[in-house]
């Protein structure tokens, strides 16, 4: 079976945001995408960087991501997936996502988001 150009492009897009290795995996506390620390440093968060400003900011990466998370979801069809709707990740970029992210954003970042009109809801199912 051969793949069409759209399927090849989708696979390449997914591979760009999948963690490059399984060491130092962290989850964004705002959207729950999983990447390794270096990927967050180099690219920021593919969904949230316009608000969180993680790119090239180690302190922000450690403040806004967590190494403690539960489960993984491979999101390949973000607009049509019932799992994406259930996990509140519908419409986000394709990639790997945590089911639950332990912890929450620091208060100073929550205040920054509030000033920008962004409503933050913790991804920690244990809270």
Protein backbone atom coordinates (compact mmCIF):
# COMPACT_ATOMS: atom_id res chain seq x y z
CA UNK A 1 0.00 0.00 0.00
CA UNK A 2 1.38 3.42 -0.92
CA UNK A 3 0.82 6.61 0.93
CA UNK A 4 -0.39 9.80 -0.60
CA UNK A 5 1.38 13.14 -0.12
CA UNK A 6 -1.07 14.21 2.59
CA UNK A 7 -0.41 11.11 4.70
CA UNK A 8 3.37 11.55 4.35
CA UNK A 9 3.09 15.21 5.38
CA UNK A 10 0.93 14.28 8.40
CA UNK A 11 3.52 11.71 9.52
CA UNK A 12 6.31 14.28 9.22
CA UNK A 13 4.27 16.82 11.18
CA UNK A 14 3.66 14.30 13.97
CA UNK A 15 7.32 13.31 14.10
CA UNK A 16 8.32 16.95 14.66
CA UNK A 17 6.54 17.08 18.02
CA UNK A 18 7.01 13.51 19.26
CA UNK A 19 9.69 13.34 21.98
CA UNK A 20 13.04 12.66 20.32
CA UNK A 21 14.06 10.31 23.13
CA UNK A 22 12.47 9.03 26.31
CA UNK A 23 14.91 10.77 28.66
CA UNK A 24 13.85 13.96 30.41
CA UNK A 25 10.26 13.89 29.13
CA UNK A 26 8.15 16.71 30.50
CA UNK A 27 4.51 17.68 30.06
CA UNK A 28 3.27 21.22 29.50
CA UNK A 29 1.08 22.13 32.48
CA UNK A 30 -1.23 24.14 30.23
CA UNK A 31 -1.90 21.77 27.28
CA UNK A 32 -0.21 18.50 28.43
CA UNK A 33 1.93 17.99 25.29
CA UNK A 34 4.93 15.72 25.96
CA UNK A 35 8.41 16.70 24.82
CA UNK A 36 11.88 16.37 26.25
CA UNK A 37 13.51 19.32 27.99
CA UNK A 38 15.71 20.15 24.99
CA UNK A 39 12.68 20.27 22.67
CA UNK A 40 10.88 22.68 25.01
CA UNK A 41 14.05 24.80 25.17
CA UNK A 42 14.57 24.82 21.39
CA UNK A 43 10.96 25.10 20.18
CA UNK A 44 8.87 26.11 23.19
CA UNK A 45 5.40 24.61 23.49
CA UNK A 46 3.76 24.05 20.11
CA UNK A 47 0.38 25.06 21.55
CA UNK A 48 1.11 27.54 24.35
CA UNK A 49 4.38 29.34 23.65
CA UNK A 50 2.65 32.57 22.66
CA UNK A 51 1.55 32.83 26.32
CA UNK A 52 4.16 30.83 28.23
CA UNK A 53 7.33 31.93 26.39
CA UNK A 54 9.29 28.73 27.02
CA UNK A 55 11.66 28.94 24.04
CA UNK A 56 15.25 29.54 25.21
CA UNK A 57 14.09 30.12 28.79
CA UNK A 58 15.16 27.26 31.08
CA UNK A 59 13.48 28.73 34.18
CA UNK A 60 10.14 29.02 32.37
CA UNK A 61 10.49 25.48 30.97
CA UNK A 62 10.93 24.12 34.50
CA UNK A 63 8.14 26.33 35.90
CA UNK A 64 5.58 25.50 33.19
CA UNK A 65 6.28 21.82 32.55
CA UNK A 66 6.33 18.79 34.81
CA UNK A 67 8.29 15.53 34.70
CA UNK A 68 5.42 13.91 36.63
CA UNK A 69 2.49 12.88 34.49
CA UNK A 70 0.14 9.93 34.02
CA UNK A 71 -0.43 8.05 30.77
CA UNK A 72 0.14 9.01 27.14
CA UNK A 73 -2.13 9.76 24.21
CA UNK A 74 -0.93 9.82 20.60
CA UNK A 75 -3.03 12.57 19.02
CA UNK A 76 -3.11 12.14 15.24
CA UNK A 77 -6.47 13.67 14.35
CA UNK A 78 -7.01 16.58 16.73
CA UNK A 79 -10.24 17.90 15.22
CA UNK A 80 -12.23 14.67 14.98
CA UNK A 81 -10.99 12.63 17.95
CA UNK A 82 -13.44 11.96 20.78
CA UNK A 83 -10.41 11.31 23.02
CA UNK A 84 -9.12 14.81 22.18
CA UNK A 85 -12.51 16.28 23.08
CA UNK A 86 -12.62 14.30 26.35
CA UNK A 87 -9.05 15.38 27.28
CA UNK A 88 -9.63 19.03 26.28
CA UNK A 89 -6.90 18.87 23.62
CA UNK A 90 -9.17 19.16 20.59
CA UNK A 91 -7.71 21.41 17.90
CA UNK A 92 -4.17 21.31 19.33
CA UNK A 93 -1.16 20.16 17.31
CA UNK A 94 -0.60 16.49 16.59
CA UNK A 95 1.74 14.81 19.04
CA UNK A 96 2.02 12.92 22.31
CA UNK A 97 0.00 14.17 25.28
CA UNK A 98 -0.22 13.24 28.95
CA UNK A 99 -3.57 12.11 30.31
CA UNK A 100 -2.90 13.96 33.58
CA UNK A 101 -0.07 16.34 34.51
CA UNK A 102 0.89 16.50 38.19
CA UNK A 103 1.17 20.02 39.58
CA UNK A 104 -0.04 23.39 38.42
CA UNK A 105 1.43 26.54 36.99
CA UNK A 106 3.02 28.89 39.52
CA UNK A 107 0.78 31.72 40.76
CA UNK A 108 2.83 34.42 39.00
CA UNK A 109 2.31 32.68 35.63
CA UNK A 110 -1.40 32.20 36.34
CA UNK A 111 -1.63 35.95 37.00
CA UNK A 112 0.18 36.69 33.71
CA UNK A 113 -2.30 34.48 31.85
CA UNK A 114 -5.24 36.13 33.58
CA UNK A 115 -3.97 39.58 32.53
CA UNK A 116 -3.89 38.28 28.93
CA UNK A 117 -7.46 37.02 29.23
CA UNK A 118 -6.40 33.35 29.20
CA UNK A 119 -8.29 31.00 31.50
CA UNK A 120 -6.00 28.36 33.01
CA UNK A 121 -7.37 25.02 34.15
CA UNK A 122 -4.99 22.56 35.81
CA UNK A 123 -4.36 19.30 33.96
CA UNK A 124 -3.80 17.48 37.26
CA UNK A 125 -6.66 14.99 37.64
CA UNK A 126 -5.51 14.35 41.22
CA UNK A 127 -6.41 17.88 42.38
